[in-house]
Amino acid sequence: MISIVYGSNFLKSAKKLPAKIQIKLSKQLSLIGENPFHSLLHTKSLTGKLAGFYSFRITRDWRVIFQFLQKDKIQLLQADNRKDIYK
């Protein structure tokens, strides 16, 4: 089981998501708590200025950026549309 830390920016950005996306996010958070690399999450290691961070899909168009604090502990940093989140 993975321990999840919710960053303040993540909490702010998650509240701004559309209601349907918030519901899907809660389901995805259950999966990431079990396995951050679950196939349904489509977890990717980021590169460039975001090297060392990871992202997973909420839906096709919505993403969450996170980082590992320890082997069994992650911090969620941001939730946003994929066209905006990597800026």
Protein backbone atom coordinates (compact mmCIF):
# COMPACT_ATOMS: atom_id res chain seq x y z
CA MET A 1 0.00 0.00 0.00
CA ILE A 2 1.28 3.43 -0.97
CA SER A 3 0.95 6.40 1.37
CA ILE A 4 -0.38 9.51 -0.42
CA VAL A 5 0.50 13.09 0.57
CA TYR A 6 -1.76 15.75 -0.92
CA GLY A 7 0.17 18.91 -1.81
CA SER A 8 -1.61 22.24 -1.34
CA ASN A 9 -1.44 23.00 -5.08
CA PHE A 10 -2.98 19.61 -5.82
CA LEU A 11 -5.88 20.24 -3.45
CA LYS A 12 -6.56 23.65 -5.03
CA SER A 13 -6.37 22.33 -8.57
CA ALA A 14 -8.49 19.24 -7.81
CA LYS A 15 -11.29 21.43 -6.45
CA LYS A 16 -11.39 23.29 -9.78
CA LEU A 17 -11.87 20.12 -11.84
CA PRO A 18 -15.30 19.45 -13.39
CA ALA A 19 -17.52 17.26 -11.18
CA LYS A 20 -17.31 14.21 -13.48
CA ILE A 21 -13.52 14.44 -13.49
CA GLN A 22 -13.42 14.71 -9.68
CA ILE A 23 -15.41 11.46 -9.44
CA LYS A 24 -13.03 9.72 -11.84
CA LEU A 25 -10.05 11.15 -9.90
CA SER A 26 -11.24 9.52 -6.68
CA LYS A 27 -11.31 6.15 -8.46
CA GLN A 28 -7.83 6.71 -9.86
CA LEU A 29 -6.52 7.63 -6.40
CA SER A 30 -7.65 4.21 -5.17
CA LEU A 31 -5.59 2.60 -7.91
CA ILE A 32 -2.48 4.69 -7.24
CA GLY A 33 -2.73 3.79 -3.55
CA GLU A 34 -2.45 0.14 -4.54
CA ASN A 35 0.13 0.48 -7.30
CA PRO A 36 1.42 3.76 -8.83
CA PHE A 37 2.17 1.89 -12.06
CA HIS A 38 -1.22 0.19 -12.45
CA SER A 39 -1.93 -0.24 -16.16
CA LEU A 40 -5.20 1.74 -15.97
CA LEU A 41 -3.29 4.81 -14.75
CA HIS A 42 -0.95 5.01 -17.76
CA THR A 43 1.80 6.34 -15.46
CA LYS A 44 4.66 8.05 -17.27
CA SER A 45 8.05 9.28 -16.10
CA LEU A 46 8.43 12.92 -17.12
CA THR A 47 11.44 14.46 -18.82
CA GLY A 48 12.99 17.89 -19.33
CA LYS A 49 12.19 20.49 -16.68
CA LEU A 50 9.86 17.94 -15.02
CA ALA A 51 12.47 15.17 -14.82
CA GLY A 52 12.08 13.21 -11.59
CA PHE A 53 8.30 13.62 -11.61
CA TYR A 54 5.59 11.32 -12.90
CA SER A 55 2.11 11.76 -14.33
CA PHE A 56 -0.94 9.54 -14.49
CA ARG A 57 -4.21 9.84 -16.37
CA ILE A 58 -7.50 10.76 -14.79
CA THR A 59 -9.10 10.56 -18.24
CA ARG A 60 -7.78 10.93 -21.75
CA ASP A 61 -7.57 14.71 -21.33
CA TRP A 62 -6.84 15.13 -17.60
CA ARG A 63 -3.61 14.37 -15.71
CA VAL A 64 -2.05 14.41 -12.26
CA ILE A 65 1.64 15.12 -11.61
CA PHE A 66 3.24 13.44 -8.61
CA GLN A 67 6.60 12.55 -7.12
CA PHE A 68 7.95 9.77 -4.97
CA LEU A 69 9.01 10.96 -1.52
CA GLN A 70 10.01 7.43 -0.52
CA LYS A 71 9.60 4.01 -2.07
CA ASP A 72 6.14 3.66 -0.52
CA LYS A 73 5.12 7.33 -0.29
CA ILE A 74 4.06 9.74 -3.03
CA GLN A 75 3.08 13.40 -3.11
CA LEU A 76 0.38 14.59 -5.50
CA LEU A 77 1.38 17.98 -6.89
CA GLN A 78 -1.06 19.15 -9.57
CA ALA A 79 -4.23 18.09 -11.41
CA ASP A 80 -5.13 19.77 -14.69
CA ASN A 81 -5.94 19.40 -18.36
CA ARG A 82 -3.11 17.79 -20.29
CA LYS A 83 -2.71 20.88 -22.50
CA ASP A 84 -1.96 23.02 -19.41
CA ILE A 85 -0.37 20.76 -16.82
CA TYR A 86 3.11 20.44 -18.33
CA LYS A 87 3.71 24.20 -18.69
